[in-house]
């Protein structure tokens, strides 16, 4: 009996088997109908996208063919760079005036006739402009990391398939309630 079960378990049942061939970016399943499943994962490599974005900001978005994000990336860098320049200029201006007050022996409450600020006010302004400049430098690093993360995630989501029957709409609503009266608003409607 044991020999009969062993022999029967080694036989192949052709009706239940399919031959599967693997290629570098495709999967072929051979049966009555040949099915070709194309994978976009090799076409948009997330590692390559994040590497491009790390070398040149915005290049990861170009690699993912999201050209509309380039003005956002470079606009963000420009705005933060403008903020760094603004606060650096103010910091240097008020720091030089503070050093002038200290070198010429002005007291903390004594006003400089040229700058119209006291030494205590100049200390506060210098600290504020330095702090804001440093914060803008941190924001610049955050913007750099954000565009890299965006390129990486976007490359991962290239193969994500949306439901073709998915419908998203925004419609105005008017609701009559006996307790609250007439209410108007906007509704976000998602249909699957």
C-alpha atoms as a PDB file:
ATOM      1  CA  UNK A   1       0.000   0.000   0.000  1.00  0.00           C
ATOM      2  CA  UNK A   2       2.870   2.370   0.891  1.00  0.00           C
ATOM      3  CA  UNK A   3       4.549   1.737  -2.468  1.00  0.00           C
ATOM      4  CA  UNK A   4       1.315   2.487  -4.344  1.00  0.00           C
ATOM      5  CA  UNK A   5       0.894   5.854  -2.562  1.00  0.00           C
ATOM      6  CA  UNK A   6       4.519   6.783  -3.258  1.00  0.00           C
ATOM      7  CA  UNK A   7       4.199   5.995  -6.969  1.00  0.00           C
ATOM      8  CA  UNK A   8       0.925   7.924  -7.287  1.00  0.00           C
ATOM      9  CA  UNK A   9       2.321  11.000  -5.534  1.00  0.00           C
ATOM     10  CA  UNK A  10       5.263  11.280  -7.952  1.00  0.00           C
ATOM     11  CA  UNK A  11       3.103  11.390 -11.086  1.00  0.00           C
ATOM     12  CA  UNK A  12       2.539  14.755 -12.614  1.00  0.00           C
ATOM     13  CA  UNK A  13      -0.944  15.879 -13.279  1.00  0.00           C
ATOM     14  CA  UNK A  14      -0.689  17.998 -16.414  1.00  0.00           C
ATOM     15  CA  UNK A  15      -4.129  19.522 -16.115  1.00  0.00           C
ATOM     16  CA  UNK A  16      -3.132  21.353 -12.957  1.00  0.00           C
ATOM     17  CA  UNK A  17       0.340  22.538 -13.919  1.00  0.00           C
ATOM     18  CA  UNK A  18       1.412  25.562 -15.879  1.00  0.00           C
ATOM     19  CA  UNK A  19       4.849  26.286 -17.186  1.00  0.00           C
ATOM     20  CA  UNK A  20       6.184  29.601 -15.988  1.00  0.00           C
ATOM     21  CA  UNK A  21       9.075  31.387 -17.656  1.00  0.00           C
ATOM     22  CA  UNK A  22      10.848  34.296 -16.028  1.00  0.00           C
ATOM     23  CA  UNK A  23      12.481  37.122 -17.880  1.00  0.00           C
ATOM     24  CA  UNK A  24      14.227  40.177 -16.469  1.00  0.00           C
ATOM     25  CA  UNK A  25      11.123  42.370 -16.424  1.00  0.00           C
ATOM     26  CA  UNK A  26       8.255  40.098 -17.463  1.00  0.00           C
ATOM     27  CA  UNK A  27       6.466  36.989 -16.318  1.00  0.00           C
ATOM     28  CA  UNK A  28       5.063  34.598 -18.908  1.00  0.00           C
ATOM     29  CA  UNK A  29       2.528  31.950 -17.941  1.00  0.00           C
ATOM     30  CA  UNK A  30       1.983  29.412 -20.678  1.00  0.00           C
ATOM     31  CA  UNK A  31      -1.356  27.683 -20.827  1.00  0.00           C
ATOM     32  CA  UNK A  32      -4.119  27.811 -23.382  1.00  0.00           C
ATOM     33  CA  UNK A  33      -3.796  31.614 -23.446  1.00  0.00           C
ATOM     34  CA  UNK A  34      -0.462  33.300 -22.941  1.00  0.00           C
ATOM     35  CA  UNK A  35      -0.553  36.072 -20.354  1.00  0.00           C
ATOM     36  CA  UNK A  36       2.049  38.805 -20.273  1.00  0.00           C
ATOM     37  CA  UNK A  37       2.376  40.761 -17.047  1.00  0.00           C
ATOM     38  CA  UNK A  38       4.614  43.772 -17.465  1.00  0.00           C
ATOM     39  CA  UNK A  39       6.410  45.056 -14.385  1.00  0.00           C
ATOM     40  CA  UNK A  40       7.281  48.728 -14.148  1.00  0.00           C
ATOM     41  CA  UNK A  41       9.403  48.151 -11.051  1.00  0.00           C
ATOM     42  CA  UNK A  42      12.540  47.698 -13.154  1.00  0.00           C
ATOM     43  CA  UNK A  43      11.708  50.699 -15.308  1.00  0.00           C
ATOM     44  CA  UNK A  44      11.474  53.066 -12.318  1.00  0.00           C
ATOM     45  CA  UNK A  45      14.085  52.014  -9.816  1.00  0.00           C
ATOM     46  CA  UNK A  46      13.555  53.776  -6.427  1.00  0.00           C
ATOM     47  CA  UNK A  47      17.242  53.484  -5.560  1.00  0.00           C
ATOM     48  CA  UNK A  48      18.227  55.171  -8.782  1.00  0.00           C
ATOM     49  CA  UNK A  49      15.603  57.903  -8.250  1.00  0.00           C
ATOM     50  CA  UNK A  50      16.854  58.760  -4.757  1.00  0.00           C
ATOM     51  CA  UNK A  51      20.469  58.701  -5.952  1.00  0.00           C
ATOM     52  CA  UNK A  52      19.680  61.120  -8.789  1.00  0.00           C
ATOM     53  CA  UNK A  53      17.795  63.399  -6.375  1.00  0.00           C
ATOM     54  CA  UNK A  54      20.739  63.328  -3.966  1.00  0.00           C
ATOM     55  CA  UNK A  55      23.256  64.302  -6.638  1.00  0.00           C
ATOM     56  CA  UNK A  56      21.179  67.058  -8.301  1.00  0.00           C
ATOM     57  CA  UNK A  57      17.985  68.259  -6.610  1.00  0.00           C
ATOM     58  CA  UNK A  58      15.033  67.764  -8.950  1.00  0.00           C
ATOM     59  CA  UNK A  59      16.736  65.108 -11.069  1.00  0.00           C
ATOM     60  CA  UNK A  60      14.820  62.348  -9.274  1.00  0.00           C
ATOM     61  CA  UNK A  61      11.550  64.026 -10.288  1.00  0.00           C
ATOM     62  CA  UNK A  62      12.793  64.209 -13.884  1.00  0.00           C
ATOM     63  CA  UNK A  63      13.727  60.503 -13.734  1.00  0.00           C
ATOM     64  CA  UNK A  64      10.176  59.697 -12.571  1.00  0.00           C
ATOM     65  CA  UNK A  65       8.750  61.918 -15.335  1.00  0.00           C
ATOM     66  CA  UNK A  66       7.023  64.236 -12.832  1.00  0.00           C
ATOM     67  CA  UNK A  67       8.078  67.459 -14.517  1.00  0.00           C
ATOM     68  CA  UNK A  68       5.342  69.491 -12.822  1.00  0.00           C
ATOM     69  CA  UNK A  69       7.170  69.059  -9.497  1.00  0.00           C
ATOM     70  CA  UNK A  70      10.308  70.867 -10.700  1.00  0.00           C
ATOM     71  CA  UNK A  71       8.923  74.395 -10.114  1.00  0.00           C
ATOM     72  CA  UNK A  72       7.923  73.318  -6.602  1.00  0.00           C
ATOM     73  CA  UNK A  73      11.380  71.945  -5.834  1.00  0.00           C
ATOM     74  CA  UNK A  74      13.338  74.860  -7.256  1.00  0.00           C
ATOM     75  CA  UNK A  75      10.807  77.416  -6.020  1.00  0.00           C
ATOM     76  CA  UNK A  76      11.187  76.031  -2.511  1.00  0.00           C
ATOM     77  CA  UNK A  77      14.969  76.172  -2.724  1.00  0.00           C
ATOM     78  CA  UNK A  78      14.818  79.736  -4.075  1.00  0.00           C
ATOM     79  CA  UNK A  79      12.429  80.943  -1.346  1.00  0.00           C
ATOM     80  CA  UNK A  80      14.473  79.393   1.444  1.00  0.00           C
ATOM     81  CA  UNK A  81      17.714  80.693  -0.114  1.00  0.00           C
ATOM     82  CA  UNK A  82      16.190  84.176  -0.244  1.00  0.00           C
ATOM     83  CA  UNK A  83      15.290  83.876   3.447  1.00  0.00           C
ATOM     84  CA  UNK A  84      18.847  82.792   4.321  1.00  0.00           C
ATOM     85  CA  UNK A  85      20.281  85.754   2.410  1.00  0.00           C
ATOM     86  CA  UNK A  86      17.827  88.214   4.014  1.00  0.00           C
ATOM     87  CA  UNK A  87      18.562  87.102   7.562  1.00  0.00           C
ATOM     88  CA  UNK A  88      22.328  86.855   6.952  1.00  0.00           C
ATOM     89  CA  UNK A  89      22.386  90.439   5.656  1.00  0.00           C
ATOM     90  CA  UNK A  90      20.430  91.693   8.671  1.00  0.00           C
ATOM     91  CA  UNK A  91      22.610  89.687  11.051  1.00  0.00           C
ATOM     92  CA  UNK A  92      25.816  91.191   9.649  1.00  0.00           C
ATOM     93  CA  UNK A  93      24.350  94.722   9.705  1.00  0.00           C
ATOM     94  CA  UNK A  94      23.208  94.583  13.320  1.00  0.00           C
ATOM     95  CA  UNK A  95      26.318  92.689  14.461  1.00  0.00           C
ATOM     96  CA  UNK A  96      28.569  95.418  13.028  1.00  0.00           C
ATOM     97  CA  UNK A  97      26.484  98.100  14.748  1.00  0.00           C
ATOM     98  CA  UNK A  98      26.661  96.160  18.028  1.00  0.00           C
ATOM     99  CA  UNK A  99      30.454  95.866  17.774  1.00  0.00           C
ATOM    100  CA  UNK A 100      30.643  99.596  17.027  1.00  0.00           C
ATOM    101  CA  UNK A 101      28.628 100.350  20.199  1.00  0.00           C
ATOM    102  CA  UNK A 102      30.811  98.045  22.304  1.00  0.00           C
ATOM    103  CA  UNK A 103      34.110  99.405  20.915  1.00  0.00           C
ATOM    104  CA  UNK A 104      33.058 103.028  21.473  1.00  0.00           C
ATOM    105  CA  UNK A 105      31.885 102.401  25.035  1.00  0.00           C
ATOM    106  CA  UNK A 106      28.154 102.951  24.693  1.00  0.00           C
ATOM    107  CA  UNK A 107      26.210 101.695  27.723  1.00  0.00           C
ATOM    108  CA  UNK A 108      23.419  99.096  27.402  1.00  0.00           C
ATOM    109  CA  UNK A 109      20.726 101.781  27.518  1.00  0.00           C
ATOM    110  CA  UNK A 110      22.623 104.453  25.594  1.00  0.00           C
ATOM    111  CA  UNK A 111      21.405 105.063  22.039  1.00  0.00           C
ATOM    112  CA  UNK A 112      23.809 105.229  19.143  1.00  0.00           C
ATOM    113  CA  UNK A 113      23.090 108.372  17.072  1.00  0.00           C
ATOM    114  CA  UNK A 114      23.832 106.594  13.763  1.00  0.00           C
ATOM    115  CA  UNK A 115      21.773 103.409  14.217  1.00  0.00           C
ATOM    116  CA  UNK A 116      19.070 104.747  16.597  1.00  0.00           C
ATOM    117  CA  UNK A 117      19.313 101.517  18.625  1.00  0.00           C
ATOM    118  CA  UNK A 118      20.639 100.893  22.092  1.00  0.00           C
ATOM    119  CA  UNK A 119      23.246  98.227  22.715  1.00  0.00           C
ATOM    120  CA  UNK A 120      20.643  95.965  24.372  1.00  0.00           C
ATOM    121  CA  UNK A 121      18.336  96.314  21.367  1.00  0.00           C
ATOM    122  CA  UNK A 122      21.197  95.524  19.008  1.00  0.00           C
ATOM    123  CA  UNK A 123      22.018  92.371  21.012  1.00  0.00           C
ATOM    124  CA  UNK A 124      18.387  91.255  20.690  1.00  0.00           C
ATOM    125  CA  UNK A 125      18.257  92.015  16.952  1.00  0.00           C
ATOM    126  CA  UNK A 126      21.551  90.234  16.320  1.00  0.00           C
ATOM    127  CA  UNK A 127      20.373  87.129  18.186  1.00  0.00           C
ATOM    128  CA  UNK A 128      17.001  87.131  16.402  1.00  0.00           C
ATOM    129  CA  UNK A 129      18.494  87.448  12.911  1.00  0.00           C
ATOM    130  CA  UNK A 130      21.096  84.748  13.652  1.00  0.00           C
ATOM    131  CA  UNK A 131      18.400  82.388  14.978  1.00  0.00           C
ATOM    132  CA  UNK A 132      16.158  82.959  11.946  1.00  0.00           C
ATOM    133  CA  UNK A 133      19.099  82.444   9.560  1.00  0.00           C
ATOM    134  CA  UNK A 134      19.987  79.177  11.280  1.00  0.00           C
ATOM    135  CA  UNK A 135      16.353  78.060  11.087  1.00  0.00           C
ATOM    136  CA  UNK A 136      16.308  78.778   7.341  1.00  0.00           C
ATOM    137  CA  UNK A 137      19.467  76.681   6.931  1.00  0.00           C
ATOM    138  CA  UNK A 138      17.704  73.802   8.707  1.00  0.00           C
ATOM    139  CA  UNK A 139      14.698  74.294   6.388  1.00  0.00           C
ATOM    140  CA  UNK A 140      17.046  74.099   3.391  1.00  0.00           C
ATOM    141  CA  UNK A 141      18.307  70.720   4.599  1.00  0.00           C
ATOM    142  CA  UNK A 142      14.705  69.617   5.163  1.00  0.00           C
ATOM    143  CA  UNK A 143      13.765  70.696   1.628  1.00  0.00           C
ATOM    144  CA  UNK A 144      16.706  68.727   0.250  1.00  0.00           C
ATOM    145  CA  UNK A 145      15.632  65.593   2.139  1.00  0.00           C
ATOM    146  CA  UNK A 146      11.974  66.097   1.202  1.00  0.00           C
ATOM    147  CA  UNK A 147      12.665  66.177  -2.525  1.00  0.00           C
ATOM    148  CA  UNK A 148      14.781  63.016  -2.176  1.00  0.00           C
ATOM    149  CA  UNK A 149      11.994  61.229  -0.281  1.00  0.00           C
ATOM    150  CA  UNK A 150       9.456  62.404  -2.859  1.00  0.00           C
ATOM    151  CA  UNK A 151      11.508  60.956  -5.716  1.00  0.00           C
ATOM    152  CA  UNK A 152      11.947  57.657  -3.866  1.00  0.00           C
ATOM    153  CA  UNK A 153       8.273  57.249  -2.961  1.00  0.00           C
ATOM    154  CA  UNK A 154       7.113  58.327  -6.402  1.00  0.00           C
ATOM    155  CA  UNK A 155       9.300  55.665  -8.027  1.00  0.00           C
ATOM    156  CA  UNK A 156       7.747  53.054  -5.726  1.00  0.00           C
ATOM    157  CA  UNK A 157       4.210  54.175  -6.578  1.00  0.00           C
ATOM    158  CA  UNK A 158       4.718  54.023 -10.358  1.00  0.00           C
ATOM    159  CA  UNK A 159       3.534  50.418 -10.416  1.00  0.00           C
ATOM    160  CA  UNK A 160       0.532  51.131  -8.163  1.00  0.00           C
ATOM    161  CA  UNK A 161      -2.623  50.500 -10.195  1.00  0.00           C
ATOM    162  CA  UNK A 162      -5.691  52.586  -9.538  1.00  0.00           C
ATOM    163  CA  UNK A 163      -9.155  51.141  -9.802  1.00  0.00           C
ATOM    164  CA  UNK A 164     -10.509  52.227 -13.214  1.00  0.00           C
ATOM    165  CA  UNK A 165     -13.993  52.597 -11.700  1.00  0.00           C
ATOM    166  CA  UNK A 166     -12.747  54.973  -9.007  1.00  0.00           C
ATOM    167  CA  UNK A 167     -14.574  58.299  -9.111  1.00  0.00           C
ATOM    168  CA  UNK A 168     -13.816  61.256  -6.892  1.00  0.00           C
ATOM    169  CA  UNK A 169     -15.994  64.343  -7.007  1.00  0.00           C
ATOM    170  CA  UNK A 170     -16.684  67.437  -4.947  1.00  0.00           C
ATOM    171  CA  UNK A 171     -20.311  68.514  -4.956  1.00  0.00           C
ATOM    172  CA  UNK A 172     -22.259  71.219  -3.139  1.00  0.00           C
ATOM    173  CA  UNK A 173     -24.833  69.910  -0.676  1.00  0.00           C
ATOM    174  CA  UNK A 174     -27.970  71.384   0.858  1.00  0.00           C
ATOM    175  CA  UNK A 175     -29.583  69.566   3.756  1.00  0.00           C
ATOM    176  CA  UNK A 176     -32.832  70.373   5.529  1.00  0.00           C
ATOM    177  CA  UNK A 177     -32.960  69.222   9.148  1.00  0.00           C
ATOM    178  CA  UNK A 178     -35.900  69.776  11.494  1.00  0.00           C
ATOM    179  CA  UNK A 179     -33.585  70.236  14.466  1.00  0.00           C
ATOM    180  CA  UNK A 180     -30.808  72.365  12.932  1.00  0.00           C
ATOM    181  CA  UNK A 181     -32.616  73.969   9.989  1.00  0.00           C
ATOM    182  CA  UNK A 182     -31.163  74.402   6.535  1.00  0.00           C
ATOM    183  CA  UNK A 183     -27.461  73.575   6.133  1.00  0.00           C
ATOM    184  CA  UNK A 184     -25.246  74.083   3.103  1.00  0.00           C
ATOM    185  CA  UNK A 185     -21.777  72.742   2.469  1.00  0.00           C
ATOM    186  CA  UNK A 186     -19.457  70.810   0.216  1.00  0.00           C
ATOM    187  CA  UNK A 187     -19.249  67.009   0.063  1.00  0.00           C
ATOM    188  CA  UNK A 188     -16.329  64.871  -1.087  1.00  0.00           C
ATOM    189  CA  UNK A 189     -17.829  61.804  -2.769  1.00  0.00           C
ATOM    190  CA  UNK A 190     -15.676  58.745  -3.479  1.00  0.00           C
ATOM    191  CA  UNK A 191     -17.214  55.870  -5.459  1.00  0.00           C
ATOM    192  CA  UNK A 192     -15.449  52.521  -5.870  1.00  0.00           C
END
